PDB file of all heavy atoms in Angstrom:
ATOM      1  N   ARG A   1     -74.751-124.525  86.987  1.00  0.00           N
ATOM      2  CA  ARG A   1     -73.461-125.196  86.854  1.00  0.00           C
ATOM      3  C   ARG A   1     -72.610-124.674  85.697  1.00  0.00           C
ATOM      4  O   ARG A   1     -71.565-125.243  85.397  1.00  0.00           O
ATOM      5  CB  ARG A   1     -73.672-126.700  86.660  1.00  0.00           C
ATOM      6  CG  ARG A   1     -74.012-127.458  87.926  1.00  0.00           C
ATOM      7  CD  ARG A   1     -73.967-128.944  87.631  1.00  0.00           C
ATOM      8  NE  ARG A   1     -74.058-129.757  88.824  1.00  0.00           N
ATOM      9  CZ  ARG A   1     -73.899-131.078  88.838  1.00  0.00           C
ATOM     10  NH1 ARG A   1     -73.652-131.725  87.710  1.00  0.00           N
ATOM     11  NH2 ARG A   1     -73.985-131.751  89.966  1.00  0.00           N
ATOM     12  N   TYR A   2     -73.039-123.641  85.035  1.00  0.00           N
ATOM     13  CA  TYR A   2     -72.314-123.172  83.853  1.00  0.00           C
ATOM     14  C   TYR A   2     -70.870-122.812  84.200  1.00  0.00           C
ATOM     15  O   TYR A   2     -70.593-122.153  85.202  1.00  0.00           O
ATOM     16  CB  TYR A   2     -73.001-121.944  83.250  1.00  0.00           C
ATOM     17  CG  TYR A   2     -72.225-121.355  82.099  1.00  0.00           C
ATOM     18  CD1 TYR A   2     -72.227-121.975  80.861  1.00  0.00           C
ATOM     19  CD2 TYR A   2     -71.464-120.198  82.269  1.00  0.00           C
ATOM     20  CE1 TYR A   2     -71.496-121.457  79.793  1.00  0.00           C
ATOM     21  CE2 TYR A   2     -70.734-119.667  81.219  1.00  0.00           C
ATOM     22  CZ  TYR A   2     -70.752-120.304  79.982  1.00  0.00           C
ATOM     23  OH  TYR A   2     -70.014-119.788  78.942  1.00  0.00           O
ATOM     24  N   ILE A   3     -69.963-123.283  83.354  1.00  0.00           N
ATOM     25  CA  ILE A   3     -68.534-122.960  83.489  1.00  0.00           C
ATOM     26  C   ILE A   3     -68.063-122.398  82.155  1.00  0.00           C
ATOM     27  O   ILE A   3     -68.191-123.061  81.121  1.00  0.00           O
ATOM     28  CB  ILE A   3     -67.706-124.213  83.839  1.00  0.00           C
ATOM     29  CG1 ILE A   3     -68.196-124.844  85.150  1.00  0.00           C
ATOM     30  CG2 ILE A   3     -66.229-123.859  83.944  1.00  0.00           C
ATOM     31  CD1 ILE A   3     -67.506-126.156  85.481  1.00  0.00           C
ATOM     32  N   PRO A   4     -67.528-121.200  82.128  1.00  0.00           N
ATOM     33  CA  PRO A   4     -67.071-120.617  80.856  1.00  0.00           C
ATOM     34  C   PRO A   4     -65.871-121.361  80.298  1.00  0.00           C
ATOM     35  O   PRO A   4     -65.073-121.936  81.053  1.00  0.00           O
ATOM     36  CB  PRO A   4     -66.719-119.179  81.239  1.00  0.00           C
ATOM     37  CG  PRO A   4     -66.477-119.213  82.703  1.00  0.00           C
ATOM     38  CD  PRO A   4     -67.352-120.284  83.260  1.00  0.00           C
ATOM     39  N   PRO A   5     -65.714-121.371  78.968  1.00  0.00           N
ATOM     40  CA  PRO A   5     -64.556-122.051  78.366  1.00  0.00           C
ATOM     41  C   PRO A   5     -63.259-121.390  78.789  1.00  0.00           C
ATOM     42  O   PRO A   5     -63.186-120.174  78.969  1.00  0.00           O
ATOM     43  CB  PRO A   5     -64.805-121.880  76.862  1.00  0.00           C
ATOM     44  CG  PRO A   5     -65.694-120.685  76.750  1.00  0.00           C
ATOM     45  CD  PRO A   5     -66.561-120.713  77.961  1.00  0.00           C
ATOM     46  N   GLY A   6     -62.226-122.207  78.948  1.00  0.00           N
ATOM     47  CA  GLY A   6     -60.925-121.694  79.369  1.00  0.00           C
ATOM     48  C   GLY A   6     -60.714-121.716  80.867  1.00  0.00           C
ATOM     49  O   GLY A   6     -59.628-121.367  81.345  1.00  0.00           O
ATOM     50  N   THR A   7     -61.722-122.154  81.625  1.00  0.00           N
ATOM     51  CA  THR A   7     -61.601-122.203  83.089  1.00  0.00           C
ATOM     52  C   THR A   7     -60.646-123.315  83.508  1.00  0.00           C
ATOM     53  O   THR A   7     -60.691-124.427  82.980  1.00  0.00           O
ATOM     54  CB  THR A   7     -62.978-122.438  83.729  1.00  0.00           C
ATOM     55  OG1 THR A   7     -63.841-121.363  83.381  1.00  0.00           O
ATOM     56  CG2 THR A   7     -62.869-122.522  85.246  1.00  0.00           C
ATOM     57  N   ILE A   8     -59.788-123.022  84.488  1.00  0.00           N
ATOM     58  CA  ILE A   8     -58.888-124.034  85.045  1.00  0.00           C
ATOM     59  C   ILE A   8     -59.632-124.819  86.123  1.00  0.00           C
ATOM     60  O   ILE A   8     -60.171-124.232  87.064  1.00  0.00           O
ATOM     61  CB  ILE A   8     -57.623-123.401  85.638  1.00  0.00           C
ATOM     62  CG1 ILE A   8     -56.827-122.676  84.551  1.00  0.00           C
ATOM     63  CG2 ILE A   8     -56.746-124.457  86.309  1.00  0.00           C
ATOM     64  CD1 ILE A   8     -55.629-121.909  85.076  1.00  0.00           C
ATOM     65  N   ILE A   9     -59.654-126.134  85.980  1.00  0.00           N
ATOM     66  CA  ILE A   9     -60.311-127.010  86.952  1.00  0.00           C
ATOM     67  C   ILE A   9     -59.232-127.839  87.651  1.00  0.00           C
ATOM     68  O   ILE A   9     -58.452-128.534  87.004  1.00  0.00           O
ATOM     69  CB  ILE A   9     -61.339-127.923  86.264  1.00  0.00           C
ATOM     70  CG1 ILE A   9     -62.461-127.065  85.659  1.00  0.00           C
ATOM     71  CG2 ILE A   9     -61.910-128.945  87.248  1.00  0.00           C
ATOM     72  CD1 ILE A   9     -63.443-127.838  84.812  1.00  0.00           C
ATOM     73  N   THR A  10     -59.173-127.719  88.963  1.00  0.00           N
ATOM     74  CA  THR A  10     -58.216-128.474  89.762  1.00  0.00           C
ATOM     75  C   THR A  10     -58.929-129.674  90.373  1.00  0.00           C
ATOM     76  O   THR A  10     -60.034-129.541  90.891  1.00  0.00           O
ATOM     77  CB  THR A  10     -57.630-127.591  90.879  1.00  0.00           C
ATOM     78  OG1 THR A  10     -57.097-126.387  90.307  1.00  0.00           O
ATOM     79  CG2 THR A  10     -56.520-128.313  91.630  1.00  0.00           C
ATOM     80  N   TYR A  11     -58.298-130.852  90.313  1.00  0.00           N
ATOM     81  CA  TYR A  11     -58.968-132.053  90.817  1.00  0.00           C
ATOM     82  C   TYR A  11     -57.955-133.039  91.390  1.00  0.00           C
ATOM     83  O   TYR A  11     -56.772-133.007  91.054  1.00  0.00           O
ATOM     84  CB  TYR A  11     -59.764-132.730  89.691  1.00  0.00           C
ATOM     85  CG  TYR A  11     -58.902-133.324  88.604  1.00  0.00           C
ATOM     86  CD1 TYR A  11     -58.533-134.672  88.612  1.00  0.00           C
ATOM     87  CD2 TYR A  11     -58.418-132.535  87.561  1.00  0.00           C
ATOM     88  CE1 TYR A  11     -57.742-135.211  87.622  1.00  0.00           C
ATOM     89  CE2 TYR A  11     -57.616-133.061  86.570  1.00  0.00           C
ATOM     90  CZ  TYR A  11     -57.274-134.400  86.597  1.00  0.00           C
ATOM     91  OH  TYR A  11     -56.468-134.939  85.624  1.00  0.00           O
ATOM     92  N   ASN A  12     -58.435-133.898  92.263  1.00  0.00           N
ATOM     93  CA  ASN A  12     -57.652-135.034  92.736  1.00  0.00           C
ATOM     94  C   ASN A  12     -58.596-136.130  93.213  1.00  0.00           C
ATOM     95  O   ASN A  12     -59.772-135.882  93.504  1.00  0.00           O
ATOM     96  CB  ASN A  12     -56.676-134.632  93.843  1.00  0.00           C
ATOM     97  CG  ASN A  12     -57.365-134.282  95.141  1.00  0.00           C
ATOM     98  OD1 ASN A  12     -58.135-133.322  95.211  1.00  0.00           O
ATOM     99  ND2 ASN A  12     -57.100-135.049  96.187  1.00  0.00           N
ATOM    100  N   PHE A  13     -58.077-137.350  93.280  1.00  0.00           N
ATOM    101  CA  PHE A  13     -58.908-138.509  93.604  1.00  0.00           C
ATOM    102  C   PHE A  13     -58.662-138.989  95.035  1.00  0.00           C
ATOM    103  O   PHE A  13     -57.569-138.819  95.583  1.00  0.00           O
ATOM    104  CB  PHE A  13     -58.617-139.659  92.636  1.00  0.00           C
ATOM    105  CG  PHE A  13     -58.935-139.346  91.214  1.00  0.00           C
ATOM    106  CD1 PHE A  13     -57.922-139.066  90.306  1.00  0.00           C
ATOM    107  CD2 PHE A  13     -60.254-139.307  90.774  1.00  0.00           C
ATOM    108  CE1 PHE A  13     -58.211-138.764  88.980  1.00  0.00           C
ATOM    109  CE2 PHE A  13     -60.557-139.015  89.457  1.00  0.00           C
ATOM    110  CZ  PHE A  13     -59.531-138.742  88.556  1.00  0.00           C
ATOM    111  N   GLU A  14     -59.689-139.605  95.589  1.00  0.00           N
ATOM    112  CA  GLU A  14     -59.611-140.215  96.912  1.00  0.00           C
ATOM    113  C   GLU A  14     -60.170-141.639  96.800  1.00  0.00           C
ATOM    114  O   GLU A  14     -61.283-141.825  96.312  1.00  0.00           O
ATOM    115  CB  GLU A  14     -60.423-139.406  97.917  1.00  0.00           C
ATOM    116  CG  GLU A  14     -60.301-139.884  99.345  1.00  0.00           C
ATOM    117  CD  GLU A  14     -61.100-139.010 100.299  1.00  0.00           C
ATOM    118  OE1 GLU A  14     -60.739-137.828 100.453  1.00  0.00           O
ATOM    119  OE2 GLU A  14     -62.083-139.505 100.854  1.00  0.00           O
ATOM    120  N   VAL A  15     -59.384-142.628  97.236  1.00  0.00           N
ATOM    121  CA  VAL A  15     -59.774-144.033  97.111  1.00  0.00           C
ATOM    122  C   VAL A  15     -59.632-144.712  98.467  1.00  0.00           C
ATOM    123  O   VAL A  15     -58.681-144.457  99.209  1.00  0.00           O
ATOM    124  CB  VAL A  15     -58.895-144.770  96.076  1.00  0.00           C
ATOM    125  CG1 VAL A  15     -59.400-146.200  95.867  1.00  0.00           C
ATOM    126  CG2 VAL A  15     -58.850-144.019  94.756  1.00  0.00           C
ATOM    127  N   GLU A  16     -60.584-145.583  98.775  1.00  0.00           N
ATOM    128  CA  GLU A  16     -60.544-146.315 100.049  1.00  0.00           C
ATOM    129  C   GLU A  16     -60.879-147.782  99.796  1.00  0.00           C
ATOM    130  O   GLU A  16     -61.750-148.092  98.962  1.00  0.00           O
ATOM    131  CB  GLU A  16     -61.545-145.713 101.031  1.00  0.00           C
ATOM    132  CG  GLU A  16     -61.467-146.299 102.437  1.00  0.00           C
ATOM    133  CD  GLU A  16     -62.375-145.571 103.417  1.00  0.00           C
ATOM    134  OE1 GLU A  16     -62.525-144.340 103.289  1.00  0.00           O
ATOM    135  OE2 GLU A  16     -62.936-146.254 104.300  1.00  0.00           O
ATOM    136  N   ASP A  17     -60.183-148.681 100.490  1.00  0.00           N
ATOM    137  CA  ASP A  17     -60.467-150.105 100.315  1.00  0.00           C
ATOM    138  C   ASP A  17     -61.142-150.687 101.545  1.00  0.00           C
ATOM    139  O   ASP A  17     -61.420-149.982 102.532  1.00  0.00           O
ATOM    140  CB  ASP A  17     -59.192-150.887  99.953  1.00  0.00           C
ATOM    141  CG  ASP A  17     -58.174-150.943 101.096  1.00  0.00           C
ATOM    142  OD1 ASP A  17     -58.530-150.635 102.252  1.00  0.00           O
ATOM    143  OD2 ASP A  17     -57.013-151.304 100.829  1.00  0.00           O
ATOM    144  N   SER A  18     -61.421-152.000 101.502  1.00  0.00           N
ATOM    145  CA  SER A  18     -62.198-152.662 102.557  1.00  0.00           C
ATOM    146  C   SER A  18     -61.447-152.766 103.876  1.00  0.00           C
ATOM    147  O   SER A  18     -62.059-153.017 104.924  1.00  0.00           O
ATOM    148  CB  SER A  18     -62.604-154.066 102.093  1.00  0.00           C
ATOM    149  OG  SER A  18     -61.447-154.821 101.738  1.00  0.00           O
ATOM    150  N   LYS A  19     -60.126-152.555 103.855  1.00  0.00           N
ATOM    151  CA  LYS A  19     -59.327-152.612 105.080  1.00  0.00           C
ATOM    152  C   LYS A  19     -59.127-151.222 105.693  1.00  0.00           C
ATOM    153  O   LYS A  19     -58.433-151.075 106.694  1.00  0.00           O
ATOM    154  CB  LYS A  19     -57.959-153.241 104.788  1.00  0.00           C
ATOM    155  CG  LYS A  19     -58.013-154.669 104.279  1.00  0.00           C
ATOM    156  CD  LYS A  19     -58.537-155.626 105.343  1.00  0.00           C
ATOM    157  CE  LYS A  19     -58.465-157.062 104.856  1.00  0.00           C
ATOM    158  NZ  LYS A  19     -58.995-158.021 105.864  1.00  0.00           N
ATOM    159  N   GLY A  20     -59.754-150.222 105.109  1.00  0.00           N
ATOM    160  CA  GLY A  20     -59.620-148.862 105.636  1.00  0.00           C
ATOM    161  C   GLY A  20     -58.424-148.107 105.114  1.00  0.00           C
ATOM    162  O   GLY A  20     -58.181-146.965 105.533  1.00  0.00           O
ATOM    163  N   ASN A  21     -57.658-148.707 104.189  1.00  0.00           N
ATOM    164  CA  ASN A  21     -56.543-147.995 103.580  1.00  0.00           C
ATOM    165  C   ASN A  21     -57.092-146.891 102.671  1.00  0.00           C
ATOM    166  O   ASN A  21     -58.087-147.088 101.971  1.00  0.00           O
ATOM    167  CB  ASN A  21     -55.676-148.956 102.760  1.00  0.00           C
ATOM    168  CG  ASN A  21     -55.038-150.025 103.622  1.00  0.00           C
ATOM    169  OD1 ASN A  21     -54.326-149.719 104.572  1.00  0.00           O
ATOM    170  ND2 ASN A  21     -55.308-151.287 103.308  1.00  0.00           N
ATOM    171  N   ARG A  22     -56.426-145.761 102.678  1.00  0.00           N
ATOM    172  CA  ARG A  22     -56.903-144.614 101.902  1.00  0.00           C
ATOM    173  C   ARG A  22     -55.752-144.030 101.084  1.00  0.00           C
ATOM    174  O   ARG A  22     -54.636-143.889 101.564  1.00  0.00           O
ATOM    175  CB  ARG A  22     -57.458-143.549 102.848  1.00  0.00           C
ATOM    176  CG  ARG A  22     -58.074-142.341 102.138  1.00  0.00           C
ATOM    177  CD  ARG A  22     -58.555-141.328 103.166  1.00  0.00           C
ATOM    178  NE  ARG A  22     -59.677-141.838 103.919  1.00  0.00           N
ATOM    179  CZ  ARG A  22     -60.949-141.623 103.609  1.00  0.00           C
ATOM    180  NH1 ARG A  22     -61.246-140.900 102.540  1.00  0.00           N
ATOM    181  NH2 ARG A  22     -61.913-142.108 104.351  1.00  0.00           N
ATOM    182  N   LEU A  23     -56.055-143.721  99.831  1.00  0.00           N
ATOM    183  CA  LEU A  23     -55.086-143.076  98.951  1.00  0.00           C
ATOM    184  C   LEU A  23     -55.679-141.778  98.439  1.00  0.00           C
ATOM    185  O   LEU A  23     -56.796-141.753  97.930  1.00  0.00           O
ATOM    186  CB  LEU A  23     -54.744-143.975  97.760  1.00  0.00           C
ATOM    187  CG  LEU A  23     -53.870-143.345  96.666  1.00  0.00           C
ATOM    188  CD1 LEU A  23     -52.460-143.081  97.192  1.00  0.00           C
ATOM    189  CD2 LEU A  23     -53.816-144.223  95.429  1.00  0.00           C
ATOM    190  N   GLU A  24     -54.935-140.673  98.605  1.00  0.00           N
ATOM    191  CA  GLU A  24     -55.357-139.383  98.081  1.00  0.00           C
ATOM    192  C   GLU A  24     -54.274-138.884  97.131  1.00  0.00           C
ATOM    193  O   GLU A  24     -53.116-138.748  97.522  1.00  0.00           O
ATOM    194  CB  GLU A  24     -55.581-138.374  99.210  1.00  0.00           C
ATOM    195  CG  GLU A  24     -56.214-137.085  98.736  1.00  0.00           C
ATOM    196  CD  GLU A  24     -56.727-136.215  99.876  1.00  0.00           C
ATOM    197  OE1 GLU A  24     -56.884-136.742 100.990  1.00  0.00           O
ATOM    198  OE2 GLU A  24     -56.976-135.021  99.634  1.00  0.00           O
ATOM    199  N   THR A  25     -54.620-138.644  95.876  1.00  0.00           N
ATOM    200  CA  THR A  25     -53.635-138.275  94.866  1.00  0.00           C
ATOM    201  C   THR A  25     -53.298-136.786  94.943  1.00  0.00           C
ATOM    202  O   THR A  25     -54.019-135.993  95.555  1.00  0.00           O
ATOM    203  CB  THR A  25     -54.149-138.601  93.463  1.00  0.00           C
ATOM    204  OG1 THR A  25     -55.292-137.784  93.168  1.00  0.00           O
ATOM    205  CG2 THR A  25     -54.540-140.064  93.355  1.00  0.00           C
ATOM    206  N   GLU A  26     -52.202-136.438  94.289  1.00  0.00           N
ATOM    207  CA  GLU A  26     -51.816-135.038  94.183  1.00  0.00           C
ATOM    208  C   GLU A  26     -52.792-134.301  93.272  1.00  0.00           C
ATOM    209  O   GLU A  26     -53.414-134.898  92.395  1.00  0.00           O
ATOM    210  CB  GLU A  26     -50.403-134.913  93.608  1.00  0.00           C
ATOM    211  CG  GLU A  26     -49.313-135.510  94.479  1.00  0.00           C
ATOM    212  CD  GLU A  26     -49.097-134.732  95.757  1.00  0.00           C
ATOM    213  OE1 GLU A  26     -49.328-133.498  95.739  1.00  0.00           O
ATOM    214  OE2 GLU A  26     -48.723-135.343  96.767  1.00  0.00           O
ATOM    215  N   GLN A  27     -52.930-133.006  93.483  1.00  0.00           N
ATOM    216  CA  GLN A  27     -53.820-132.212  92.654  1.00  0.00           C
ATOM    217  C   GLN A  27     -53.274-132.091  91.227  1.00  0.00           C
ATOM    218  O   GLN A  27     -52.070-131.979  91.023  1.00  0.00           O
ATOM    219  CB  GLN A  27     -54.009-130.818  93.247  1.00  0.00           C
ATOM    220  CG  GLN A  27     -54.855-130.794  94.509  1.00  0.00           C
ATOM    221  CD  GLN A  27     -55.160-129.381  94.965  1.00  0.00           C
ATOM    222  OE1 GLN A  27     -54.470-128.434  94.604  1.00  0.00           O
ATOM    223  NE2 GLN A  27     -56.207-129.228  95.752  1.00  0.00           N
TER     224      GLN A  27
END
């Protein structure tokens, strides 16, 4: 899993509720 310093990490979140609604955020 080693990641060198200075690496750009792109991420976004995904959330779901009990009614099946889903939210996906921008990167």
